[in-house]
Amino acid sequence: QVQLVESGGGLVQPGGSLRLSCAASGLISSRYNMRWYRQAPGKGRELVAAITSGGNNINYADSVKGRFTISRDNAKNRVYLQMNSLKPEDTAVYYCYAEDGRRFYWGQGTQVTVSS
């Protein structure tokens, strides 16, 4: 049974930082491209960051470039999203996503709230 479990969300003040973690089980994460999406209230799901299986190709949404960093540790089957200089507009549920071109999986999401 494949599971993606996100953690690390919470309430943070504007300008603060959070580190999200996605723990994968039931699959060999090194074979999967990984992404972080987010969904704010009343809005569609947005791609935030993506990293290929080997970690050699990384992409970010324009809205988070220079502030967020995606990384992975294949030995631990984990993917991370370091979020710095957080803004109120970053408030959303953040989801982990894995795909290998044939199969795809979603995590259950973790809430990030940026507010003073």
PDB file of N, CA and C in Angstrom:
ATOM      1  N   GLN A   1       0.848  -1.190   0.000  1.00  0.00           N
ATOM      2  CA  GLN A   1       0.000   0.000   0.000  1.00  0.00           C
ATOM      3  C   GLN A   1       0.886   1.244   0.000  1.00  0.00           C
ATOM      4  N   VAL A   2       0.662   2.090  -0.984  1.00  0.00           N
ATOM      5  CA  VAL A   2       1.466   3.297  -1.108  1.00  0.00           C
ATOM      6  C   VAL A   2       0.882   4.399  -0.217  1.00  0.00           C
ATOM      7  N   GLN A   3       1.755   5.061   0.505  1.00  0.00           N
ATOM      8  CA  GLN A   3       1.343   6.199   1.316  1.00  0.00           C
ATOM      9  C   GLN A   3       2.335   7.330   1.179  1.00  0.00           C
ATOM     10  N   LEU A   4       1.808   8.529   1.058  1.00  0.00           N
ATOM     11  CA  LEU A   4       2.607   9.750   1.138  1.00  0.00           C
ATOM     12  C   LEU A   4       2.060  10.530   2.325  1.00  0.00           C
ATOM     13  N   VAL A   5       2.905  10.809   3.293  1.00  0.00           N
ATOM     14  CA  VAL A   5       2.457  11.478   4.505  1.00  0.00           C
ATOM     15  C   VAL A   5       3.244  12.767   4.692  1.00  0.00           C
ATOM     16  N   GLU A   6       2.515  13.882   4.613  1.00  0.00           N
ATOM     17  CA  GLU A   6       3.136  15.194   4.797  1.00  0.00           C
ATOM     18  C   GLU A   6       3.145  15.577   6.273  1.00  0.00           C
ATOM     19  N   SER A   7       4.133  16.358   6.646  1.00  0.00           N
ATOM     20  CA  SER A   7       4.211  16.906   7.997  1.00  0.00           C
ATOM     21  C   SER A   7       4.980  18.213   7.955  1.00  0.00           C
ATOM     22  N   GLY A   8       4.908  18.957   9.064  1.00  0.00           N
ATOM     23  CA  GLY A   8       5.674  20.191   9.165  1.00  0.00           C
ATOM     24  C   GLY A   8       4.870  21.462   8.977  1.00  0.00           C
ATOM     25  N   GLY A   9       3.593  21.330   8.654  1.00  0.00           N
ATOM     26  CA  GLY A   9       2.767  22.525   8.500  1.00  0.00           C
ATOM     27  C   GLY A   9       2.452  23.158   9.837  1.00  0.00           C
ATOM     28  N   GLY A  10       1.815  24.330   9.777  1.00  0.00           N
ATOM     29  CA  GLY A  10       1.450  25.006  11.007  1.00  0.00           C
ATOM     30  C   GLY A  10       1.188  26.475  10.775  1.00  0.00           C
ATOM     31  N   LEU A  11       1.130  27.212  11.870  1.00  0.00           N
ATOM     32  CA  LEU A  11       0.894  28.658  11.835  1.00  0.00           C
ATOM     33  C   LEU A  11       2.229  29.375  11.995  1.00  0.00           C
ATOM     34  N   VAL A  12       2.492  30.319  11.115  1.00  0.00           N
ATOM     35  CA  VAL A  12       3.744  31.077  11.154  1.00  0.00           C
ATOM     36  C   VAL A  12       3.457  32.525  10.803  1.00  0.00           C
ATOM     37  N   GLN A  13       4.235  33.422  11.356  1.00  0.00           N
ATOM     38  CA  GLN A  13       4.072  34.837  11.051  1.00  0.00           C
ATOM     39  C   GLN A  13       4.681  35.175   9.690  1.00  0.00           C
ATOM     40  N   PRO A  14       4.191  36.220   9.048  1.00  0.00           N
ATOM     41  CA  PRO A  14       4.809  36.657   7.786  1.00  0.00           C
ATOM     42  C   PRO A  14       6.310  36.887   7.972  1.00  0.00           C
ATOM     43  N   GLY A  15       7.071  36.413   6.976  1.00  0.00           N
ATOM     44  CA  GLY A  15       8.523  36.494   7.049  1.00  0.00           C
ATOM     45  C   GLY A  15       9.168  35.285   7.682  1.00  0.00           C
ATOM     46  N   GLY A  16       8.369  34.418   8.255  1.00  0.00           N
ATOM     47  CA  GLY A  16       8.892  33.230   8.921  1.00  0.00           C
ATOM     48  C   GLY A  16       9.183  32.092   7.963  1.00  0.00           C
ATOM     49  N   SER A  17       9.585  30.968   8.542  1.00  0.00           N
ATOM     50  CA  SER A  17       9.975  29.796   7.751  1.00  0.00           C
ATOM     51  C   SER A  17       9.301  28.542   8.277  1.00  0.00           C
ATOM     52  N   LEU A  18       9.094  27.614   7.371  1.00  0.00           N
ATOM     53  CA  LEU A  18       8.633  26.272   7.714  1.00  0.00           C
ATOM     54  C   LEU A  18       9.331  25.288   6.798  1.00  0.00           C
ATOM     55  N   ARG A  19       9.483  24.062   7.288  1.00  0.00           N
ATOM     56  CA  ARG A  19      10.016  22.995   6.460  1.00  0.00           C
ATOM     57  C   ARG A  19       9.013  21.862   6.417  1.00  0.00           C
ATOM     58  N   LEU A  20       8.487  21.602   5.235  1.00  0.00           N
ATOM     59  CA  LEU A  20       7.560  20.489   5.059  1.00  0.00           C
ATOM     60  C   LEU A  20       8.339  19.237   4.691  1.00  0.00           C
ATOM     61  N   SER A  21       7.818  18.117   5.141  1.00  0.00           N
ATOM     62  CA  SER A  21       8.422  16.831   4.841  1.00  0.00           C
ATOM     63  C   SER A  21       7.346  15.905   4.280  1.00  0.00           C
ATOM     64  N   CYS A  22       7.728  15.084   3.321  1.00  0.00           N
ATOM     65  CA  CYS A  22       6.828  14.081   2.758  1.00  0.00           C
ATOM     66  C   CYS A  22       7.525  12.733   2.874  1.00  0.00           C
ATOM     67  N   ALA A  23       6.937  11.843   3.656  1.00  0.00           N
ATOM     68  CA  ALA A  23       7.482  10.505   3.841  1.00  0.00           C
ATOM     69  C   ALA A  23       6.722   9.532   2.949  1.00  0.00           C
ATOM     70  N   ALA A  24       7.463   8.835   2.096  1.00  0.00           N
ATOM     71  CA  ALA A  24       6.856   7.885   1.168  1.00  0.00           C
ATOM     72  C   ALA A  24       7.073   6.462   1.661  1.00  0.00           C
ATOM     73  N   SER A  25       6.036   5.659   1.572  1.00  0.00           N
ATOM     74  CA  SER A  25       6.148   4.246   1.912  1.00  0.00           C
ATOM     75  C   SER A  25       5.386   3.435   0.876  1.00  0.00           C
ATOM     76  N   GLY A  26       5.804   2.184   0.707  1.00  0.00           N
ATOM     77  CA  GLY A  26       5.140   1.321  -0.268  1.00  0.00           C
ATOM     78  C   GLY A  26       5.601   1.549  -1.694  1.00  0.00           C
ATOM     79  N   LEU A  27       6.586   2.390  -1.887  1.00  0.00           N
ATOM     80  CA  LEU A  27       7.161   2.593  -3.205  1.00  0.00           C
ATOM     81  C   LEU A  27       8.630   2.945  -3.038  1.00  0.00           C
ATOM     82  N   ILE A  28       9.346   2.777  -4.130  1.00  0.00           N
ATOM     83  CA  ILE A  28      10.761   3.172  -4.123  1.00  0.00           C
ATOM     84  C   ILE A  28      10.819   4.589  -4.655  1.00  0.00           C
ATOM     85  N   SER A  29      10.902   5.549  -3.752  1.00  0.00           N
ATOM     86  CA  SER A  29      10.749   6.949  -4.146  1.00  0.00           C
ATOM     87  C   SER A  29      11.808   7.392  -5.138  1.00  0.00           C
ATOM     88  N   SER A  30      12.954   6.722  -5.158  1.00  0.00           N
ATOM     89  CA  SER A  30      14.016   7.121  -6.079  1.00  0.00           C
ATOM     90  C   SER A  30      13.608   6.917  -7.530  1.00  0.00           C
ATOM     91  N   ARG A  31      12.539   6.167  -7.765  1.00  0.00           N
ATOM     92  CA  ARG A  31      12.047   5.942  -9.124  1.00  0.00           C
ATOM     93  C   ARG A  31      10.966   6.930  -9.523  1.00  0.00           C
ATOM     94  N   TYR A  32      10.599   7.799  -8.602  1.00  0.00           N
ATOM     95  CA  TYR A  32       9.467   8.699  -8.832  1.00  0.00           C
ATOM     96  C   TYR A  32       9.913  10.154  -8.890  1.00  0.00           C
ATOM     97  N   ASN A  33       9.294  10.886  -9.809  1.00  0.00           N
ATOM     98  CA  ASN A  33       9.393  12.335  -9.780  1.00  0.00           C
ATOM     99  C   ASN A  33       8.444  12.828  -8.688  1.00  0.00           C
ATOM    100  N   MET A  34       8.859  13.824  -7.960  1.00  0.00           N
ATOM    101  CA  MET A  34       8.083  14.295  -6.813  1.00  0.00           C
ATOM    102  C   MET A  34       7.733  15.770  -6.988  1.00  0.00           C
ATOM    103  N   ARG A  35       6.568  16.137  -6.490  1.00  0.00           N
ATOM    104  CA  ARG A  35       6.118  17.518  -6.571  1.00  0.00           C
ATOM    105  C   ARG A  35       5.431  17.930  -5.280  1.00  0.00           C
ATOM    106  N   TRP A  36       5.418  19.223  -5.049  1.00  0.00           N
ATOM    107  CA  TRP A  36       4.587  19.832  -4.009  1.00  0.00           C
ATOM    108  C   TRP A  36       3.548  20.709  -4.713  1.00  0.00           C
ATOM    109  N   TYR A  37       2.308  20.515  -4.345  1.00  0.00           N
ATOM    110  CA  TYR A  37       1.205  21.363  -4.788  1.00  0.00           C
ATOM    111  C   TYR A  37       0.631  22.068  -3.561  1.00  0.00           C
ATOM    112  N   ARG A  38      -0.158  23.087  -3.828  1.00  0.00           N
ATOM    113  CA  ARG A  38      -0.900  23.725  -2.741  1.00  0.00           C
ATOM    114  C   ARG A  38      -2.273  24.153  -3.249  1.00  0.00           C
ATOM    115  N   GLN A  39      -3.185  24.250  -2.309  1.00  0.00           N
ATOM    116  CA  GLN A  39      -4.539  24.688  -2.636  1.00  0.00           C
ATOM    117  C   GLN A  39      -5.024  25.640  -1.555  1.00  0.00           C
ATOM    118  N   ALA A  40      -5.245  26.876  -1.954  1.00  0.00           N
ATOM    119  CA  ALA A  40      -5.767  27.887  -1.038  1.00  0.00           C
ATOM    120  C   ALA A  40      -7.295  27.826  -1.058  1.00  0.00           C
ATOM    121  N   PRO A  41      -7.932  28.321  -0.009  1.00  0.00           N
ATOM    122  CA  PRO A  41      -9.406  28.308   0.045  1.00  0.00           C
ATOM    123  C   PRO A  41     -10.026  28.981  -1.171  1.00  0.00           C
ATOM    124  N   GLY A  42     -10.946  28.291  -1.823  1.00  0.00           N
ATOM    125  CA  GLY A  42     -11.648  28.859  -2.964  1.00  0.00           C
ATOM    126  C   GLY A  42     -10.850  28.883  -4.255  1.00  0.00           C
ATOM    127  N   LYS A  43      -9.663  28.260  -4.251  1.00  0.00           N
ATOM    128  CA  LYS A  43      -8.828  28.274  -5.448  1.00  0.00           C
ATOM    129  C   LYS A  43      -8.495  26.852  -5.882  1.00  0.00           C
ATOM    130  N   GLY A  44      -7.994  26.725  -7.108  1.00  0.00           N
ATOM    131  CA  GLY A  44      -7.587  25.432  -7.618  1.00  0.00           C
ATOM    132  C   GLY A  44      -6.239  25.007  -7.084  1.00  0.00           C
ATOM    133  N   ARG A  45      -5.894  23.765  -7.318  1.00  0.00           N
ATOM    134  CA  ARG A  45      -4.603  23.247  -6.858  1.00  0.00           C
ATOM    135  C   ARG A  45      -3.496  23.776  -7.763  1.00  0.00           C
ATOM    136  N   GLU A  46      -2.436  24.255  -7.147  1.00  0.00           N
ATOM    137  CA  GLU A  46      -1.336  24.923  -7.854  1.00  0.00           C
ATOM    138  C   GLU A  46      -0.031  24.162  -7.656  1.00  0.00           C
ATOM    139  N   LEU A  47       0.719  23.952  -8.729  1.00  0.00           N
ATOM    140  CA  LEU A  47       2.032  23.337  -8.614  1.00  0.00           C
ATOM    141  C   LEU A  47       3.004  24.348  -8.004  1.00  0.00           C
ATOM    142  N   VAL A  48       3.682  23.941  -6.966  1.00  0.00           N
ATOM    143  CA  VAL A  48       4.624  24.819  -6.258  1.00  0.00           C
ATOM    144  C   VAL A  48       6.063  24.516  -6.656  1.00  0.00           C
ATOM    145  N   ALA A  49       6.430  23.241  -6.620  1.00  0.00           N
ATOM    146  CA  ALA A  49       7.809  22.861  -6.905  1.00  0.00           C
ATOM    147  C   ALA A  49       7.842  21.408  -7.359  1.00  0.00           C
ATOM    148  N   ALA A  50       8.838  21.090  -8.187  1.00  0.00           N
ATOM    149  CA  ALA A  50       8.975  19.730  -8.712  1.00  0.00           C
ATOM    150  C   ALA A  50      10.438  19.351  -8.757  1.00  0.00           C
ATOM    151  N   ILE A  51      10.699  18.072  -8.518  1.00  0.00           N
ATOM    152  CA  ILE A  51      12.059  17.555  -8.567  1.00  0.00           C
ATOM    153  C   ILE A  51      12.014  16.183  -9.220  1.00  0.00           C
ATOM    154  N   THR A  52      12.946  15.935 -10.143  1.00  0.00           N
ATOM    155  CA  THR A  52      12.956  14.652 -10.827  1.00  0.00           C
ATOM    156  C   THR A  52      13.520  13.559  -9.911  1.00  0.00           C
ATOM    157  N   SER A  53      13.386  12.319 -10.376  1.00  0.00           N
ATOM    158  CA  SER A  53      13.735  11.179  -9.531  1.00  0.00           C
ATOM    159  C   SER A  53      15.182  11.233  -9.058  1.00  0.00           C
ATOM    160  N   GLY A  54      16.080  11.675  -9.946  1.00  0.00           N
ATOM    161  CA  GLY A  54      17.482  11.755  -9.572  1.00  0.00           C
ATOM    162  C   GLY A  54      17.875  13.069  -8.923  1.00  0.00           C
ATOM    163  N   GLY A  55      16.934  13.996  -8.867  1.00  0.00           N
ATOM    164  CA  GLY A  55      17.197  15.283  -8.235  1.00  0.00           C
ATOM    165  C   GLY A  55      17.946  16.273  -9.110  1.00  0.00           C
ATOM    166  N   ASN A  56      18.121  15.941 -10.384  1.00  0.00           N
ATOM    167  CA  ASN A  56      18.941  16.798 -11.234  1.00  0.00           C
ATOM    168  C   ASN A  56      18.161  17.859 -11.986  1.00  0.00           C
ATOM    169  N   ASN A  57      16.834  17.838 -11.876  1.00  0.00           N
ATOM    170  CA  ASN A  57      16.020  18.840 -12.548  1.00  0.00           C
ATOM    171  C   ASN A  57      14.959  19.330 -11.572  1.00  0.00           C
ATOM    172  N   ILE A  58      14.984  20.620 -11.306  1.00  0.00           N
ATOM    173  CA  ILE A  58      14.094  21.228 -10.319  1.00  0.00           C
ATOM    174  C   ILE A  58      13.405  22.430 -10.944  1.00  0.00           C
ATOM    175  N   ASN A  59      12.132  22.574 -10.632  1.00  0.00           N
ATOM    176  CA  ASN A  59      11.365  23.718 -11.129  1.00  0.00           C
ATOM    177  C   ASN A  59      10.482  24.278 -10.021  1.00  0.00           C
ATOM    178  N   TYR A  60      10.239  25.590 -10.106  1.00  0.00           N
ATOM    179  CA  TYR A  60       9.415  26.277  -9.119  1.00  0.00           C
ATOM    180  C   TYR A  60       8.375  27.150  -9.808  1.00  0.00           C
ATOM    181  N   ALA A  61       7.260  27.334  -9.126  1.00  0.00           N
ATOM    182  CA  ALA A  61       6.308  28.352  -9.551  1.00  0.00           C
ATOM    183  C   ALA A  61       6.960  29.724  -9.381  1.00  0.00           C
ATOM    184  N   ASP A  62       6.614  30.644 -10.266  1.00  0.00           N
ATOM    185  CA  ASP A  62       7.204  31.982 -10.181  1.00  0.00           C
ATOM    186  C   ASP A  62       6.940  32.629  -8.826  1.00  0.00           C
ATOM    187  N   SER A  63       5.802  32.319  -8.249  1.00  0.00           N
ATOM    188  CA  SER A  63       5.396  32.961  -6.998  1.00  0.00           C
ATOM    189  C   SER A  63       6.274  32.553  -5.805  1.00  0.00           C
ATOM    190  N   VAL A  64       7.042  31.465  -5.936  1.00  0.00           N
ATOM    191  CA  VAL A  64       7.849  31.004  -4.798  1.00  0.00           C
ATOM    192  C   VAL A  64       9.344  30.984  -5.098  1.00  0.00           C
ATOM    193  N   LYS A  65       9.729  31.315  -6.320  1.00  0.00           N
ATOM    194  CA  LYS A  65      11.156  31.297  -6.680  1.00  0.00           C
ATOM    195  C   LYS A  65      11.956  32.216  -5.773  1.00  0.00           C
ATOM    196  N   GLY A  66      13.083  31.699  -5.318  1.00  0.00           N
ATOM    197  CA  GLY A  66      13.942  32.474  -4.441  1.00  0.00           C
ATOM    198  C   GLY A  66      13.566  32.380  -2.978  1.00  0.00           C
ATOM    199  N   ARG A  67      12.410  31.811  -2.677  1.00  0.00           N
ATOM    200  CA  ARG A  67      11.945  31.679  -1.289  1.00  0.00           C
ATOM    201  C   ARG A  67      11.807  30.224  -0.854  1.00  0.00           C
ATOM    202  N   PHE A  68      11.407  29.353  -1.768  1.00  0.00           N
ATOM    203  CA  PHE A  68      11.188  27.942  -1.458  1.00  0.00           C
ATOM    204  C   PHE A  68      12.288  27.098  -2.091  1.00  0.00           C
ATOM    205  N   THR A  69      12.612  25.997  -1.419  1.00  0.00           N
ATOM    206  CA  THR A  69      13.595  25.051  -1.948  1.00  0.00           C
ATOM    207  C   THR A  69      13.076  23.632  -1.775  1.00  0.00           C
ATOM    208  N   ILE A  70      13.013  22.894  -2.882  1.00  0.00           N
ATOM    209  CA  ILE A  70      12.621  21.489  -2.829  1.00  0.00           C
ATOM    210  C   ILE A  70      13.890  20.633  -2.824  1.00  0.00           C
ATOM    211  N   SER A  71      13.864  19.559  -2.058  1.00  0.00           N
ATOM    212  CA  SER A  71      14.994  18.637  -2.016  1.00  0.00           C
ATOM    213  C   SER A  71      14.468  17.241  -1.708  1.00  0.00           C
ATOM    214  N   ARG A  72      15.339  16.265  -1.877  1.00  0.00           N
ATOM    215  CA  ARG A  72      14.929  14.897  -1.604  1.00  0.00           C
ATOM    216  C   ARG A  72      16.075  14.100  -1.023  1.00  0.00           C
ATOM    217  N   ASP A  73      15.721  13.096  -0.235  1.00  0.00           N
ATOM    218  CA  ASP A  73      16.686  12.160   0.318  1.00  0.00           C
ATOM    219  C   ASP A  73      16.168  10.768  -0.030  1.00  0.00           C
ATOM    220  N   ASN A  74      16.653  10.215  -1.121  1.00  0.00           N
ATOM    221  CA  ASN A  74      16.124   8.927  -1.592  1.00  0.00           C
ATOM    222  C   ASN A  74      16.432   7.792  -0.622  1.00  0.00           C
ATOM    223  N   ALA A  75      17.506   7.916   0.113  1.00  0.00           N
ATOM    224  CA  ALA A  75      17.835   6.872   1.090  1.00  0.00           C
ATOM    225  C   ALA A  75      16.781   6.802   2.193  1.00  0.00           C
ATOM    226  N   LYS A  76      16.149   7.945   2.475  1.00  0.00           N
ATOM    227  CA  LYS A  76      15.118   8.006   3.518  1.00  0.00           C
ATOM    228  C   LYS A  76      13.709   8.004   2.932  1.00  0.00           C
ATOM    229  N   ASN A  77      13.606   7.946   1.604  1.00  0.00           N
ATOM    230  CA  ASN A  77      12.282   8.012   0.959  1.00  0.00           C
ATOM    231  C   ASN A  77      11.520   9.268   1.369  1.00  0.00           C
ATOM    232  N   ARG A  78      12.218  10.392   1.371  1.00  0.00           N
ATOM    233  CA  ARG A  78      11.599  11.649   1.800  1.00  0.00           C
ATOM    234  C   ARG A  78      11.873  12.766   0.805  1.00  0.00           C
ATOM    235  N   VAL A  79      10.910  13.667   0.742  1.00  0.00           N
ATOM    236  CA  VAL A  79      11.033  14.895  -0.034  1.00  0.00           C
ATOM    237  C   VAL A  79      10.706  16.050   0.904  1.00  0.00           C
ATOM    238  N   TYR A  80      11.405  17.153   0.720  1.00  0.00           N
ATOM    239  CA  TYR A  80      11.253  18.295   1.609  1.00  0.00           C
ATOM    240  C   TYR A  80      10.906  19.549   0.822  1.00  0.00           C
ATOM    241  N   LEU A  81      10.268  20.466   1.511  1.00  0.00           N
ATOM    242  CA  LEU A  81      10.033  21.798   0.949  1.00  0.00           C
ATOM    243  C   LEU A  81      10.381  22.812   2.031  1.00  0.00           C
ATOM    244  N   GLN A  82      11.521  23.469   1.853  1.00  0.00           N
ATOM    245  CA  GLN A  82      11.930  24.529   2.765  1.00  0.00           C
ATOM    246  C   GLN A  82      11.291  25.827   2.292  1.00  0.00           C
ATOM    247  N   MET A  83      10.524  26.460   3.162  1.00  0.00           N
ATOM    248  CA  MET A  83       9.790  27.674   2.800  1.00  0.00           C
ATOM    249  C   MET A  83      10.272  28.817   3.675  1.00  0.00           C
ATOM    250  N   ASN A  84      10.867  29.816   3.047  1.00  0.00           N
ATOM    251  CA  ASN A  84      11.374  30.989   3.752  1.00  0.00           C
ATOM    252  C   ASN A  84      10.609  32.228   3.316  1.00  0.00           C
ATOM    253  N   SER A  85      10.743  33.283   4.081  1.00  0.00           N
ATOM    254  CA  SER A  85      10.093  34.564   3.757  1.00  0.00           C
ATOM    255  C   SER A  85       8.626  34.366   3.416  1.00  0.00           C
ATOM    256  N   LEU A  86       7.941  33.639   4.259  1.00  0.00           N
ATOM    257  CA  LEU A  86       6.549  33.294   3.982  1.00  0.00           C
ATOM    258  C   LEU A  86       5.657  34.530   3.990  1.00  0.00           C
ATOM    259  N   LYS A  87       4.660  34.486   3.116  1.00  0.00           N
ATOM    260  CA  LYS A  87       3.702  35.576   2.948  1.00  0.00           C
ATOM    261  C   LYS A  87       2.294  35.062   3.239  1.00  0.00           C
ATOM    262  N   PRO A  88       1.388  35.944   3.581  1.00  0.00           N
ATOM    263  CA  PRO A  88       0.006  35.500   3.813  1.00  0.00           C
ATOM    264  C   PRO A  88      -0.578  34.752   2.616  1.00  0.00           C
ATOM    265  N   GLU A  89      -0.174  35.129   1.422  1.00  0.00           N
ATOM    266  CA  GLU A  89      -0.695  34.448   0.229  1.00  0.00           C
ATOM    267  C   GLU A  89      -0.148  33.045   0.040  1.00  0.00           C
ATOM    268  N   ASP A  90       0.794  32.634   0.861  1.00  0.00           N
ATOM    269  CA  ASP A  90       1.269  31.248   0.855  1.00  0.00           C
ATOM    270  C   ASP A  90       0.355  30.335   1.669  1.00  0.00           C
ATOM    271  N   THR A  91      -0.617  30.910   2.345  1.00  0.00           N
ATOM    272  CA  THR A  91      -1.546  30.110   3.135  1.00  0.00           C
ATOM    273  C   THR A  91      -2.318  29.152   2.242  1.00  0.00           C
ATOM    274  N   ALA A  92      -2.249  27.868   2.568  1.00  0.00           N
ATOM    275  CA  ALA A  92      -2.877  26.833   1.745  1.00  0.00           C
ATOM    276  C   ALA A  92      -2.662  25.479   2.408  1.00  0.00           C
ATOM    277  N   VAL A  93      -3.343  24.487   1.860  1.00  0.00           N
ATOM    278  CA  VAL A  93      -3.021  23.102   2.175  1.00  0.00           C
ATOM    279  C   VAL A  93      -1.971  22.662   1.161  1.00  0.00           C
ATOM    280  N   TYR A  94      -0.876  22.112   1.651  1.00  0.00           N
ATOM    281  CA  TYR A  94       0.226  21.679   0.806  1.00  0.00           C
ATOM    282  C   TYR A  94       0.192  20.157   0.673  1.00  0.00           C
ATOM    283  N   TYR A  95       0.289  19.706  -0.591  1.00  0.00           N
ATOM    284  CA  TYR A  95       0.190  18.292  -0.899  1.00  0.00           C
ATOM    285  C   TYR A  95       1.467  17.775  -1.550  1.00  0.00           C
ATOM    286  N   CYS A  96       1.836  16.584  -1.187  1.00  0.00           N
ATOM    287  CA  CYS A  96       2.936  15.867  -1.812  1.00  0.00           C
ATOM    288  C   CYS A  96       2.369  14.984  -2.922  1.00  0.00           C
ATOM    289  N   TYR A  97       3.110  14.856  -4.013  1.00  0.00           N
ATOM    290  CA  TYR A  97       2.644  14.112  -5.185  1.00  0.00           C
ATOM    291  C   TYR A  97       3.825  13.333  -5.759  1.00  0.00           C
ATOM    292  N   ALA A  98       3.573  12.072  -6.133  1.00  0.00           N
ATOM    293  CA  ALA A  98       4.609  11.228  -6.728  1.00  0.00           C
ATOM    294  C   ALA A  98       4.090  10.615  -8.016  1.00  0.00           C
ATOM    295  N   GLU A  99       4.924  10.572  -9.049  1.00  0.00           N
ATOM    296  CA  GLU A  99       4.539   9.923 -10.296  1.00  0.00           C
ATOM    297  C   GLU A  99       5.775   9.338 -10.979  1.00  0.00           C
ATOM    298  N   ASP A 100       5.533   8.234 -11.700  1.00  0.00           N
ATOM    299  CA  ASP A 100       6.642   7.605 -12.440  1.00  0.00           C
ATOM    300  C   ASP A 100       6.304   7.477 -13.916  1.00  0.00           C
ATOM    301  N   GLY A 101       5.326   8.238 -14.374  1.00  0.00           N
ATOM    302  CA  GLY A 101       4.900   8.195 -15.767  1.00  0.00           C
ATOM    303  C   GLY A 101       3.736   7.248 -16.007  1.00  0.00           C
ATOM    304  N   ARG A 102       3.524   6.327 -15.082  1.00  0.00           N
ATOM    305  CA  ARG A 102       2.398   5.390 -15.216  1.00  0.00           C
ATOM    306  C   ARG A 102       1.455   5.488 -14.033  1.00  0.00           C
ATOM    307  N   ARG A 103       2.002   5.657 -12.868  1.00  0.00           N
ATOM    308  CA  ARG A 103       1.209   5.725 -11.647  1.00  0.00           C
ATOM    309  C   ARG A 103       1.468   7.046 -10.944  1.00  0.00           C
ATOM    310  N   PHE A 104       0.476   7.487 -10.188  1.00  0.00           N
ATOM    311  CA  PHE A 104       0.637   8.707  -9.420  1.00  0.00           C
ATOM    312  C   PHE A 104      -0.087   8.562  -8.091  1.00  0.00           C
ATOM    313  N   TYR A 105       0.423   9.283  -7.111  1.00  0.00           N
ATOM    314  CA  TYR A 105      -0.117   9.197  -5.759  1.00  0.00           C
ATOM    315  C   TYR A 105      -0.108  10.581  -5.116  1.00  0.00           C
ATOM    316  N   TRP A 106      -1.098  10.815  -4.271  1.00  0.00           N
ATOM    317  CA  TRP A 106      -1.215  12.065  -3.517  1.00  0.00           C
ATOM    318  C   TRP A 106      -1.133  11.785  -2.022  1.00  0.00           C
ATOM    319  N   GLY A 107      -0.573  12.738  -1.299  1.00  0.00           N
ATOM    320  CA  GLY A 107      -0.669  12.706   0.143  1.00  0.00           C
ATOM    321  C   GLY A 107      -1.965  13.358   0.591  1.00  0.00           C
ATOM    322  N   GLN A 108      -2.171  13.368   1.914  1.00  0.00           N
ATOM    323  CA  GLN A 108      -3.427  13.893   2.447  1.00  0.00           C
ATOM    324  C   GLN A 108      -3.386  15.400   2.695  1.00  0.00           C
ATOM    325  N   GLY A 109      -2.194  15.969   2.639  1.00  0.00           N
ATOM    326  CA  GLY A 109      -2.042  17.409   2.785  1.00  0.00           C
ATOM    327  C   GLY A 109      -1.701  17.851   4.194  1.00  0.00           C
ATOM    328  N   THR A 110      -1.032  18.987   4.270  1.00  0.00           N
ATOM    329  CA  THR A 110      -0.722  19.608   5.561  1.00  0.00           C
ATOM    330  C   THR A 110      -1.012  21.102   5.447  1.00  0.00           C
ATOM    331  N   GLN A 111      -1.661  21.651   6.468  1.00  0.00           N
ATOM    332  CA  GLN A 111      -2.088  23.054   6.432  1.00  0.00           C
ATOM    333  C   GLN A 111      -0.932  23.978   6.791  1.00  0.00           C
ATOM    334  N   VAL A 112      -0.748  24.993   5.974  1.00  0.00           N
ATOM    335  CA  VAL A 112       0.194  26.073   6.268  1.00  0.00           C
ATOM    336  C   VAL A 112      -0.596  27.374   6.332  1.00  0.00           C
ATOM    337  N   THR A 113      -0.493  28.059   7.450  1.00  0.00           N
ATOM    338  CA  THR A 113      -1.187  29.330   7.637  1.00  0.00           C
ATOM    339  C   THR A 113      -0.167  30.406   7.986  1.00  0.00           C
ATOM    340  N   VAL A 114      -0.136  31.450   7.174  1.00  0.00           N
ATOM    341  CA  VAL A 114       0.786  32.559   7.399  1.00  0.00           C
ATOM    342  C   VAL A 114      -0.044  33.770   7.810  1.00  0.00           C
ATOM    343  N   SER A 115       0.088  34.140   9.070  1.00  0.00           N
ATOM    344  CA  SER A 115      -0.743  35.214   9.605  1.00  0.00           C
ATOM    345  C   SER A 115      -0.080  35.816  10.833  1.00  0.00           C
ATOM    346  N   SER A 116      -0.302  37.109  11.015  1.00  0.00           N
ATOM    347  CA  SER A 116       0.195  37.774  12.215  1.00  0.00           C
ATOM    348  C   SER A 116      -0.883  37.794  13.300  1.00  0.00           C
TER     349      SER A 116
END
